[in-house]
Protein backbone atom coordinates (compact mmCIF):
# COMPACT_ATOMS: atom_id res chain seq x y z
CA MET A 1 11.66 18.88 5.93
CA ILE A 2 9.69 16.68 8.31
CA ILE A 3 6.03 15.67 8.32
CA ARG A 4 4.81 18.19 10.90
CA ASP A 5 6.16 21.00 8.68
CA ILE A 6 3.28 20.28 6.26
CA LEU A 7 0.62 21.27 8.78
CA GLU A 8 2.62 24.17 10.16
CA HIS A 9 3.04 25.64 6.68
CA ASN A 10 -0.56 25.19 5.55
CA ALA A 11 -1.97 26.47 8.85
CA ARG A 12 0.07 29.66 8.37
CA ILE A 13 -0.56 30.17 4.64
CA HIS A 14 -4.25 29.29 4.31
CA PRO A 15 -5.63 28.45 7.76
CA ALA A 16 -9.26 28.46 6.61
CA GLY A 17 -8.64 25.98 3.81
CA ILE A 18 -10.41 22.64 4.24
CA ALA A 19 -7.83 19.96 4.99
CA LEU A 20 -10.10 16.98 5.62
CA ALA A 21 -13.72 16.05 5.16
CA ALA A 22 -15.47 12.83 6.17
CA LEU A 23 -19.17 12.13 6.54
CA ASN A 24 -20.62 15.42 7.86
CA GLU A 25 -17.40 16.78 9.34
CA GLU A 26 -14.92 19.23 7.87
CA VAL A 27 -11.59 20.28 9.40
CA THR A 28 -9.57 23.31 8.36
CA TYR A 29 -5.78 23.28 8.27
CA LEU A 30 -5.66 25.55 11.31
CA ASP A 31 -8.00 23.30 13.27
CA LEU A 32 -6.15 20.15 12.18
CA ARG A 33 -2.87 21.60 13.42
CA ARG A 34 -4.50 22.44 16.78
CA ARG A 35 -5.92 18.94 17.15
CA VAL A 36 -2.63 17.31 16.22
CA ARG A 37 -0.70 19.44 18.74
CA HIS A 38 -3.11 18.43 21.50
CA ARG A 39 -2.91 14.75 20.54
CA ALA A 40 0.89 14.97 20.45
CA ALA A 41 0.98 16.51 23.92
CA ALA A 42 -1.29 13.74 25.21
CA LEU A 43 0.97 11.06 23.71
CA SER A 44 3.99 12.65 25.37
CA ARG A 45 2.19 12.57 28.73
CA LEU A 46 1.67 8.83 28.22
CA GLY A 47 5.43 8.41 27.87
CA ILE A 48 5.61 7.99 24.11
CA ALA A 49 8.75 9.63 22.79
CA ARG A 50 11.03 10.00 19.81
CA GLY A 51 12.14 6.60 18.49
CA ASP A 52 9.18 4.68 19.91
CA ARG A 53 6.80 2.75 17.67
CA VAL A 54 3.03 2.99 18.01
CA GLY A 55 0.36 0.75 16.49
CA ILE A 56 -2.89 2.15 15.08
CA LEU A 57 -5.96 0.00 14.39
CA ALA A 58 -8.74 2.04 12.83
CA HIS A 59 -10.89 2.64 9.78
CA ASN A 60 -10.35 5.56 7.43
CA SER A 61 -11.27 8.56 9.56
CA ILE A 62 -10.21 12.04 10.54
CA GLY A 63 -9.13 10.61 13.88
CA TYR A 64 -6.77 8.20 12.14
CA VAL A 65 -5.11 11.08 10.29
CA GLU A 66 -4.83 13.10 13.52
CA PHE A 67 -3.04 10.21 15.22
CA PHE A 68 -0.69 9.71 12.30
CA PHE A 69 0.39 13.35 12.41
CA ALA A 70 0.52 13.39 16.23
CA VAL A 71 2.75 10.31 16.48
CA THR A 72 5.18 11.60 13.86
CA HIS A 73 5.01 15.11 15.41
CA ILE A 74 6.90 13.84 18.47
CA GLY A 75 9.36 11.71 16.50
CA ALA A 76 7.72 8.32 17.08
CA ALA A 77 6.83 5.94 14.24
CA VAL A 78 3.43 4.64 13.19
CA VAL A 79 2.94 0.90 12.68
CA GLN A 80 -0.18 0.48 10.59
CA LEU A 81 -2.60 -2.42 11.09
CA HIS A 82 -5.33 -3.34 8.62
CA HIS A 83 -8.56 -4.30 10.36
CA LEU A 84 -8.98 -7.33 8.05
CA LEU A 85 -5.84 -8.98 9.41
CA LYS A 86 -6.43 -11.94 11.70
CA THR A 87 -5.32 -11.82 15.33
CA ARG A 88 -2.26 -14.01 14.69
CA GLU A 89 -1.18 -11.71 11.85
CA MET A 90 -1.52 -8.61 14.02
CA ILE A 91 0.37 -10.21 16.89
CA ALA A 92 3.27 -11.11 14.60
CA ILE A 93 3.53 -7.53 13.35
CA LEU A 94 3.20 -5.88 16.76
CA ARG A 95 5.71 -8.26 18.33
CA ASP A 96 8.28 -7.73 15.60
CA ALA A 97 7.81 -3.95 15.75
CA ASN A 98 8.07 -3.96 19.56
CA VAL A 99 5.39 -1.28 19.77
CA LYS A 100 5.05 0.75 22.95
CA ALA A 101 1.29 1.32 22.61
CA LEU A 102 -1.65 0.29 20.47
CA PHE A 103 -4.36 2.84 19.74
CA HIS A 104 -7.66 1.53 18.39
CA GLU A 105 -11.14 2.66 17.49
CA GLU A 106 -13.90 1.52 19.83
CA GLU A 107 -15.15 -0.86 17.13
CA PHE A 108 -11.92 -2.86 17.44
CA ARG A 109 -11.77 -3.06 21.22
CA ALA A 110 -12.55 -6.81 21.17
CA GLN A 111 -9.67 -7.45 18.74
CA ALA A 112 -7.34 -5.37 20.89
CA GLU A 113 -8.33 -7.35 23.99
CA GLU A 114 -7.76 -10.59 22.11
CA ILE A 115 -4.26 -9.44 21.21
CA ARG A 116 -3.33 -8.16 24.68
CA PRO A 117 -2.51 -11.49 26.45
CA SER A 118 0.01 -12.44 23.76
CA LEU A 119 1.85 -9.12 24.01
CA PRO A 120 2.40 -8.29 27.69
CA GLY A 121 5.27 -5.97 26.74
CA ILE A 122 2.90 -3.39 25.23
CA ALA A 123 2.40 -0.77 27.93
CA GLU A 124 -0.84 0.73 26.64
CA PHE A 125 -3.90 -0.53 24.77
CA ILE A 126 -5.94 2.65 24.42
CA GLY A 127 -9.14 3.54 22.66
CA MET A 128 -8.77 6.56 20.38
CA ASP A 129 -11.63 8.28 22.21
CA ASP A 130 -10.03 7.74 25.64
CA PRO A 131 -10.41 10.97 27.72
CA ARG A 132 -6.65 11.04 28.27
CA LEU A 133 -6.22 11.65 24.55
CA LEU A 134 -8.97 14.23 24.11
CA VAL A 135 -8.20 16.84 26.78
CA PRO A 136 -6.26 19.85 25.39
CA ALA A 137 -2.85 20.13 26.98
CA GLY A 138 -1.24 23.44 26.12
CA ASP A 139 -0.44 24.70 22.68
CA GLY A 140 2.22 22.14 21.80
CA GLY A 141 3.57 24.61 19.24
CA PRO A 142 6.85 24.38 17.34
CA GLY A 143 8.80 25.88 20.23
CA GLY A 144 7.70 23.11 22.56
CA ALA A 145 7.82 20.30 20.03
CA PRO A 146 10.58 17.72 20.50
CA PRO A 147 13.43 17.73 17.97
CA VAL A 148 12.86 15.42 15.00
CA GLN A 149 15.37 14.65 12.27
CA GLU A 150 14.64 13.96 8.60
CA THR A 151 16.24 10.53 9.01
CA ASP A 152 13.98 9.56 11.93
CA ILE A 153 11.57 6.74 11.08
CA ALA A 154 8.00 7.95 10.68
CA LEU A 155 6.23 4.89 9.31
CA VAL A 156 6.83 1.14 9.45
CA VAL A 157 4.93 -0.72 6.74
CA TYR A 158 4.85 -4.50 6.93
CA THR A 159 5.22 -6.12 3.56
CA SER A 160 5.85 -9.56 2.10
CA GLY A 161 9.22 -11.16 2.81
CA PRO A 162 10.98 -14.10 1.10
CA SER A 163 10.71 -16.24 4.25
CA GLY A 164 6.93 -15.97 4.32
CA HIS A 165 7.02 -13.72 7.39
CA PRO A 166 6.10 -10.03 6.93
CA ARG A 167 8.95 -7.61 7.48
CA GLY A 168 8.77 -3.96 8.43
CA ALA A 169 9.98 -1.50 5.82
CA MET A 170 11.15 1.63 7.66
CA LEU A 171 10.22 4.90 5.98
CA SER A 172 11.78 8.09 7.28
CA HIS A 173 10.47 11.64 7.22
CA ARG A 174 12.94 12.26 4.39
CA ASN A 175 11.52 9.36 2.37
CA LEU A 176 7.92 10.44 2.81
CA MET A 177 8.56 14.14 2.16
CA ALA A 178 10.58 13.38 -0.97
CA ALA A 179 7.86 11.04 -2.28
CA SER A 180 5.22 13.70 -1.61
CA ALA A 181 7.17 16.48 -3.31
CA TYR A 182 8.14 14.38 -6.34
CA SER A 183 4.57 13.17 -6.89
CA ALA A 184 3.12 16.66 -6.51
CA MET A 185 5.59 17.98 -9.10
CA GLU A 186 5.11 15.06 -11.46
CA LEU A 187 1.32 15.29 -11.45
CA GLY A 188 0.87 19.03 -11.00
CA PHE A 189 -1.06 18.99 -7.70
CA SER A 190 -2.12 22.30 -6.14
CA ARG A 191 -4.12 23.62 -3.19
CA LYS A 192 -7.12 23.97 -5.52
CA ASP A 193 -7.33 20.18 -5.84
CA VAL A 194 -9.83 17.94 -4.07
CA PHE A 195 -8.70 14.34 -3.60
CA LEU A 196 -11.12 11.51 -2.86
CA SER A 197 -9.36 8.86 -0.79
CA CYS A 198 -10.92 5.42 -1.28
CA ALA A 199 -7.89 3.27 -0.40
CA GLN A 200 -7.47 1.85 3.09
CA LEU A 201 -5.17 4.18 5.03
CA PRO A 202 -3.17 1.37 6.71
CA TYR A 203 -1.53 0.74 3.34
CA LEU A 204 1.05 3.06 1.87
CA GLY A 205 -1.28 3.65 -1.07
CA GLY A 206 -3.63 5.25 1.46
CA THR A 207 -1.40 7.24 3.81
CA GLY A 208 1.23 8.01 1.17
CA ARG A 209 -1.30 9.57 -1.21
CA LEU A 210 -2.73 11.71 1.59
CA LEU A 211 0.67 13.24 2.27
CA ARG A 212 1.08 14.18 -1.40
CA PHE A 213 -2.09 16.25 -1.35
CA PHE A 214 -1.42 17.64 2.15
CA HIS A 215 1.97 18.71 0.82
CA VAL A 216 0.34 21.27 -1.48
CA GLY A 217 -2.50 22.21 0.86
CA ALA A 218 -5.27 20.46 -1.07
CA THR A 219 -8.56 19.15 0.36
CA ILE A 220 -8.89 15.43 1.10
CA ILE A 221 -12.24 13.62 1.28
CA LEU A 222 -12.06 10.38 3.26
CA GLN A 223 -14.35 7.50 2.34
CA ARG A 224 -14.70 5.04 5.22
CA GLY A 225 -15.31 2.05 2.97
CA PHE A 226 -15.53 1.66 -0.78
CA ASP A 227 -18.98 2.03 -2.30
CA PRO A 228 -19.09 2.64 -6.08
CA VAL A 229 -22.23 4.79 -6.06
CA GLU A 230 -21.00 6.82 -3.10
CA VAL A 231 -17.71 7.45 -4.93
CA LEU A 232 -19.57 8.87 -7.92
CA ARG A 233 -21.94 10.86 -5.71
CA THR A 234 -19.01 12.36 -3.79
CA ILE A 235 -17.15 13.29 -6.98
CA GLU A 236 -20.22 15.20 -8.13
CA ARG A 237 -21.14 16.77 -4.78
CA ARG A 238 -17.63 17.74 -3.63
CA SER A 239 -16.19 18.73 -7.04
CA VAL A 240 -13.44 16.12 -6.75
CA THR A 241 -10.46 16.58 -9.08
CA HIS A 242 -8.44 13.43 -8.32
CA VAL A 243 -9.28 9.91 -7.18
CA LEU A 244 -7.15 6.80 -6.68
CA LEU A 245 -8.80 3.51 -7.66
CA THR A 246 -7.71 -0.12 -7.80
CA PRO A 247 -8.67 -2.28 -10.81
CA THR A 248 -11.49 -3.85 -8.79
CA MET A 249 -12.84 -0.41 -7.87
CA LEU A 250 -12.73 0.66 -11.53
CA TYR A 251 -14.64 -2.44 -12.57
CA ARG A 252 -17.33 -1.99 -9.93
CA ILE A 253 -17.83 1.71 -10.66
CA ILE A 254 -18.11 1.22 -14.42
CA GLY A 255 -20.51 -1.69 -13.91
CA SER A 256 -22.84 0.18 -11.56
CA PRO A 257 -26.35 0.47 -13.12
CA THR A 258 -26.64 4.14 -12.13
CA ALA A 259 -23.06 5.14 -12.95
CA ARG A 260 -23.83 7.34 -15.94
CA LYS A 261 -26.31 9.59 -14.19
CA PHE A 262 -23.59 11.42 -12.22
CA ASN A 263 -21.81 14.59 -13.36
CA LEU A 264 -18.05 13.95 -13.21
CA ALA A 265 -17.01 17.13 -15.04
CA THR A 266 -14.63 18.33 -12.30
CA LEU A 267 -12.63 15.09 -12.33
CA ARG A 268 -9.21 15.73 -13.83
CA THR A 269 -7.31 12.55 -13.09
CA VAL A 270 -8.03 8.95 -12.15
CA LEU A 271 -4.94 7.44 -10.58
CA TYR A 272 -4.65 3.66 -10.61
CA GLY A 273 -1.96 1.40 -9.24
CA GLY A 274 -0.19 -1.82 -10.03
CA ALA A 275 1.65 -3.22 -13.02
CA TRP A 276 -0.96 -5.83 -13.91
CA ILE A 277 -4.26 -4.48 -15.27
CA SER A 278 -6.05 -5.48 -18.45
CA VAL A 279 -5.94 -3.05 -21.38
CA ASP A 280 -9.66 -3.70 -21.94
CA LEU A 281 -10.45 -2.39 -18.44
CA ILE A 282 -8.28 0.69 -19.06
CA LYS A 283 -10.16 1.34 -22.32
CA ARG A 284 -13.50 1.09 -20.54
CA ALA A 285 -12.29 3.42 -17.77
CA ILE A 286 -11.10 6.05 -20.28
CA GLY A 287 -14.45 5.90 -22.07
CA PHE A 288 -16.42 6.20 -18.84
CA PHE A 289 -14.53 8.87 -16.87
CA ARG A 290 -13.53 10.98 -19.90
CA CYS A 291 -10.57 12.44 -18.03
CA GLY A 292 -6.88 11.68 -17.68
CA LEU A 293 -5.75 8.28 -16.39
CA VAL A 294 -2.35 7.93 -14.73
CA GLN A 295 -0.80 4.63 -13.66
CA THR A 296 1.58 4.50 -10.73
CA TYR A 297 4.05 1.66 -10.22
CA ALA A 298 6.12 1.42 -7.07
CA HIS A 299 7.10 -0.61 -4.01
CA VAL A 300 6.77 0.04 -0.30
CA GLU A 301 10.57 0.18 -0.28
CA THR A 302 10.42 3.12 -2.72
CA THR A 303 7.83 4.95 -0.60
CA GLY A 304 5.16 4.38 -3.22
CA VAL A 305 6.97 6.29 -5.99
CA LEU A 306 8.86 4.81 -8.93
CA THR A 307 7.29 5.35 -12.37
CA PHE A 308 4.27 7.09 -13.85
CA LEU A 309 2.37 6.29 -17.04
CA HIS A 310 0.82 9.65 -17.86
CA GLU A 311 -2.42 10.71 -19.50
CA GLU A 312 -0.75 11.28 -22.88
CA ASP A 313 0.46 7.66 -22.86
CA HIS A 314 -3.10 6.32 -22.61
CA ARG A 315 -4.03 6.81 -26.25
CA MET A 316 -6.40 4.34 -27.83
CA GLU A 317 -5.37 4.40 -31.51
CA GLU A 318 -4.62 0.76 -32.28
CA ASN A 319 -2.04 1.57 -34.99
CA THR A 320 0.05 3.97 -32.90
CA PRO A 321 2.99 3.26 -30.59
CA TYR A 322 0.90 4.50 -27.66
CA MET A 323 -0.98 1.21 -27.45
CA LYS A 324 2.40 -0.40 -26.85
CA LYS A 325 3.19 2.15 -24.15
CA MET A 326 0.03 1.16 -22.30
CA MET A 327 1.64 -2.24 -21.75
CA SER A 328 4.41 -0.48 -19.81
CA VAL A 329 4.34 1.08 -16.33
CA GLY A 330 5.67 4.37 -17.61
CA GLN A 331 8.86 6.34 -17.07
CA GLU A 332 10.85 7.11 -13.94
CA ALA A 333 9.41 9.82 -11.70
CA VAL A 334 11.00 13.18 -10.97
CA GLY A 335 13.81 12.70 -8.44
CA VAL A 336 14.08 8.94 -9.06
CA GLU A 337 16.72 6.99 -10.99
CA VAL A 338 15.59 3.68 -12.49
CA ARG A 339 17.77 1.24 -14.39
CA VAL A 340 17.68 -2.44 -15.34
CA VAL A 341 20.68 -4.56 -14.32
CA ASP A 342 22.02 -8.08 -14.84
CA GLU A 343 22.98 -10.60 -12.14
CA GLU A 344 26.28 -8.77 -11.56
CA GLY A 345 24.57 -5.40 -11.18
CA ARG A 346 25.66 -4.06 -14.56
CA GLU A 347 23.21 -1.93 -16.51
CA VAL A 348 21.81 -3.77 -19.54
CA PRO A 349 21.02 -2.26 -22.97
CA PRO A 350 17.48 -1.12 -23.88
CA GLY A 351 15.19 -4.03 -24.67
CA THR A 352 17.20 -6.46 -22.53
CA MET A 353 15.59 -8.23 -19.58
CA GLY A 354 17.04 -7.69 -16.12
CA GLU A 355 16.16 -6.64 -12.58
CA VAL A 356 14.76 -3.20 -11.79
CA ALA A 357 17.16 -1.17 -9.64
CA VAL A 358 16.36 2.20 -8.06
CA ARG A 359 18.06 4.98 -6.14
CA GLY A 360 16.99 8.35 -4.76
CA LEU A 361 15.67 9.93 -1.57
CA ILE A 362 12.52 7.81 -1.87
CA VAL A 363 14.46 4.59 -1.14
CA PHE A 364 13.63 3.29 2.33
CA GLU A 365 15.95 3.13 5.35
CA GLY A 366 15.92 -0.66 5.65
CA TYR A 367 13.95 -3.51 7.21
CA LEU A 368 13.29 -3.36 10.94
CA ASN A 369 15.26 -6.02 12.87
CA ASP A 370 16.62 -7.45 9.61
CA PRO A 371 20.10 -6.10 8.78
CA ARG A 372 20.84 -9.10 6.59
CA GLY A 373 17.68 -8.63 4.52
CA THR A 374 18.46 -4.92 4.26
CA ALA A 375 22.01 -5.58 3.02
CA GLU A 376 20.75 -8.10 0.46
CA ALA A 377 18.27 -5.55 -0.91
CA PHE A 378 21.05 -3.19 -2.00
CA ARG A 379 23.98 -3.34 -4.38
CA ASP A 380 26.41 -0.44 -4.79
CA GLY A 381 23.85 2.02 -3.44
CA TRP A 382 21.00 0.79 -5.66
CA LEU A 383 17.86 -0.89 -4.32
CA LEU A 384 17.11 -4.15 -6.11
CA THR A 385 13.32 -4.43 -6.40
CA GLY A 386 13.04 -8.09 -7.38
CA ASP A 387 11.01 -7.18 -10.47
CA LEU A 388 12.18 -8.43 -13.86
CA ALA A 389 11.71 -5.91 -16.65
CA ALA A 390 13.15 -4.16 -19.68
CA LEU A 391 13.52 -0.47 -20.55
CA ASP A 392 12.92 0.73 -24.08
CA GLU A 393 14.84 3.49 -25.88
CA GLU A 394 12.49 6.16 -24.47
CA GLY A 395 12.82 4.99 -20.88
CA TYR A 396 9.45 3.21 -20.63
CA LEU A 397 9.62 0.28 -18.24
CA TYR A 398 7.99 -3.07 -19.09
CA VAL A 399 7.64 -5.36 -16.07
CA VAL A 400 7.16 -9.03 -16.91
CA ASP A 401 7.87 -11.09 -13.79
CA ARG A 402 9.24 -11.15 -10.25
CA LYS A 403 12.30 -12.78 -8.77
CA GLN A 404 10.56 -12.79 -5.40
CA ASP A 405 7.70 -15.18 -4.74
CA ASN A 406 4.98 -12.55 -4.37
CA LEU A 407 1.70 -11.63 -6.03
CA MET A 408 0.06 -8.23 -6.39
CA VAL A 409 -3.58 -8.88 -5.49
CA ASP A 410 -5.60 -5.77 -6.28
CA GLY A 411 -2.56 -3.63 -5.53
CA ILE A 412 -1.60 -5.45 -2.29
CA SER A 413 1.62 -7.47 -2.13
CA VAL A 414 0.97 -11.02 -0.92
CA SER A 415 3.77 -13.42 0.02
CA LEU A 416 3.11 -16.84 -1.52
CA ARG A 417 5.43 -18.41 1.06
CA GLU A 418 3.26 -17.00 3.86
CA VAL A 419 0.13 -18.54 2.31
CA GLU A 420 1.96 -21.84 1.78
CA ASN A 421 3.00 -21.90 5.44
CA VAL A 422 -0.63 -21.57 6.53
CA LEU A 423 -1.76 -24.25 4.06
CA CYS A 424 0.81 -26.69 5.44
CA GLU A 425 -0.66 -26.28 8.92
CA HIS A 426 -3.77 -28.14 7.75
CA PRO A 427 -3.58 -31.79 8.93
CA SER A 428 -4.33 -33.27 5.49
CA VAL A 429 -1.62 -31.32 3.62
CA LYS A 430 1.76 -32.86 2.89
CA GLU A 431 3.04 -30.06 0.63
CA ALA A 432 1.60 -26.84 -0.71
CA ALA A 433 2.49 -24.45 -3.49
CA VAL A 434 0.71 -21.23 -4.36
CA VAL A 435 0.77 -19.80 -7.88
CA GLY A 436 -0.77 -16.75 -9.48
CA ARG A 437 -3.68 -16.80 -11.88
CA PRO A 438 -4.53 -13.80 -14.08
CA ASP A 439 -7.74 -12.04 -13.05
CA TYR A 440 -9.62 -9.35 -15.00
CA THR A 441 -10.38 -7.15 -12.01
CA MET A 442 -7.77 -8.09 -9.38
CA GLY A 443 -4.81 -8.34 -11.75
CA GLU A 444 -3.85 -11.73 -10.35
CA VAL A 445 -5.11 -14.00 -7.58
CA PRO A 446 -3.55 -16.85 -5.58
CA VAL A 447 -4.42 -20.49 -6.29
CA ALA A 448 -3.43 -23.26 -3.87
CA VAL A 449 -1.93 -26.45 -5.26
CA ILE A 450 -1.88 -29.29 -2.74
CA VAL A 451 -0.16 -32.65 -2.35
CA LEU A 452 -2.11 -34.64 0.25
CA LYS A 453 -0.73 -36.90 2.95
CA GLU A 454 -1.24 -40.60 2.31
CA GLY A 455 -4.83 -41.68 2.94
CA GLU A 456 -6.28 -38.15 2.98
CA LYS A 457 -9.16 -37.17 0.67
CA GLU A 458 -9.62 -34.06 -1.41
CA ASP A 459 -11.74 -31.44 0.39
CA PRO A 460 -11.16 -28.00 -1.16
CA GLU A 461 -13.71 -26.24 1.04
CA ALA A 462 -12.01 -27.47 4.23
CA ILE A 463 -8.70 -26.09 2.97
CA LEU A 464 -10.23 -22.73 2.10
CA GLU A 465 -12.05 -22.47 5.43
CA HIS A 466 -8.74 -23.14 7.22
CA CYS A 467 -7.22 -20.25 5.24
CA ARG A 468 -10.13 -17.91 6.00
CA ARG A 469 -9.65 -18.52 9.73
CA ASN A 470 -5.94 -17.82 9.66
CA MET A 471 -5.24 -15.03 7.16
CA ALA A 472 -6.66 -11.81 5.81
CA PRO A 473 -9.25 -12.24 3.02
CA PHE A 474 -7.03 -10.84 0.27
CA LYS A 475 -4.45 -13.59 0.96
CA VAL A 476 -6.92 -16.50 0.79
CA PRO A 477 -6.56 -18.65 -2.36
CA ARG A 478 -9.41 -18.35 -4.82
CA ALA A 479 -9.27 -22.06 -5.67
CA VAL A 480 -7.64 -25.34 -4.61
CA GLU A 481 -6.06 -27.78 -7.05
CA TYR A 482 -4.51 -31.18 -6.27
CA LEU A 483 -1.43 -32.96 -7.63
CA GLY A 484 -0.02 -36.35 -6.77
CA VAL A 485 3.53 -34.99 -6.72
CA PHE A 486 5.17 -31.64 -7.43
CA PRO A 487 7.51 -31.24 -10.42
CA ARG A 488 11.02 -30.38 -9.22
CA ASN A 489 14.39 -29.47 -10.69
CA ALA A 490 17.64 -31.30 -10.04
CA GLN A 491 18.14 -29.36 -6.79
CA GLY A 492 14.70 -30.38 -5.53
CA LYS A 493 13.10 -26.94 -5.97
CA VAL A 494 9.40 -26.94 -6.85
CA LEU A 495 8.91 -25.76 -10.45
CA LYS A 496 6.07 -23.30 -10.09
CA ALA A 497 6.19 -22.30 -13.74
CA THR A 498 5.47 -25.91 -14.68
CA ILE A 499 2.60 -26.02 -12.17
CA ARG A 500 1.13 -22.81 -13.62
CA ASP A 501 1.34 -24.31 -17.11
CA ARG A 502 -0.45 -27.47 -15.96
CA MET A 503 -3.20 -25.43 -14.28
CA ALA A 504 -3.62 -23.33 -17.45
CA ALA A 505 -3.82 -26.49 -19.58
CA ARG A 506 -6.62 -27.85 -17.36
CA ARG A 507 -8.66 -24.65 -17.92
CA THR A 508 -8.40 -24.81 -21.72
């Protein structure tokens, strides 16, 4: 099964069903298929073909979804760009992906023009409302659609790498369709469901969740930007059954002064992501929404599917084992095998710490332009996630640390090496280390620890302003600390655990 099969099926089975809604616009499955076919035909006329990669720079919108389906319809792959990325970050991604064209909303024309001189190899920089992309061009039906294989790459998601440079995880049609089917089965989705999409679509948590609800023919409501009151108003007005929220979104919704005036009776499930969220916030969310909460834990390399902590595991009785289960990330999903292994790749007994290893159709096809990194990610057919965890006797997974130097900031993976590289570009910085600090709403946030060059003075605001100019806001450290020298081991490696302990001691 490939991605375009979703629209073909739903357009045949219930053509009048609402596929998408945003602002004052609604699109049926039949109409969405028609639009996608026309877009796909227009892309083909521009010379985009199977195996090409195409960048998209846009907000959450129906147009964004149309382009995603149109690009994958002809066998090309989407390279997603978040609008909060700085120009240098976008250039690095587009250059590595060797994209053939960049499509952008009119709002981002200035950013596209700023990028253009650095990437002369990109043939087309085109606004998404360009007349060449809007004129119908034949039916573009299945008979005329180019052949696409399940193993063809549909989506390239750039994620944190150990070198500090983002690397493109290649997700095939097979990966995305398997993840959609497994999630729909695991969580009991149906065409009667209405999903409110608050997450930014350029992340897998955005696009991946859409496909799961499209898979069953449900209705998806797109929210352009997160607004807590508008979320609650939409749940009430559109009879929403499912919503995906980050810890920060949960906190802001619950804390809204008018939150309790809305009728949320149709809401069946609040999905939330990430392994690091305070139990207190979960308790408050359960009390407020009065519906099922389900935690999802995954990686881009597992197409956003790995484990689920279900509604029945979110019990609040302090003297029951369920409180302990809430400290886990749940059990392996349908269609996924999860085990914990030692340094030699051998499975360890329950309760023993090791590295999380995964296999199944949801495991990605590798890193773009990085065969070495791809080979290192696998052992004997199992993907090594870099997360350190233990499984209990019932198969609940407890994640405690990472082997890789990354943070999960409000559900987004941030490479600490990448932030350190930017910090070291500042003229006053001799060395930089970035460590994580627990945060009630974000899960964890980065903190910069600096060793200054001789004669330089401490100026935290100058360091932070340098970061704001050169990286996306979610990567910017929340604070700057200074040390005279970094603690190191015998091999000269910076001991970040010791630094974290020192920072914690200063706060107590």
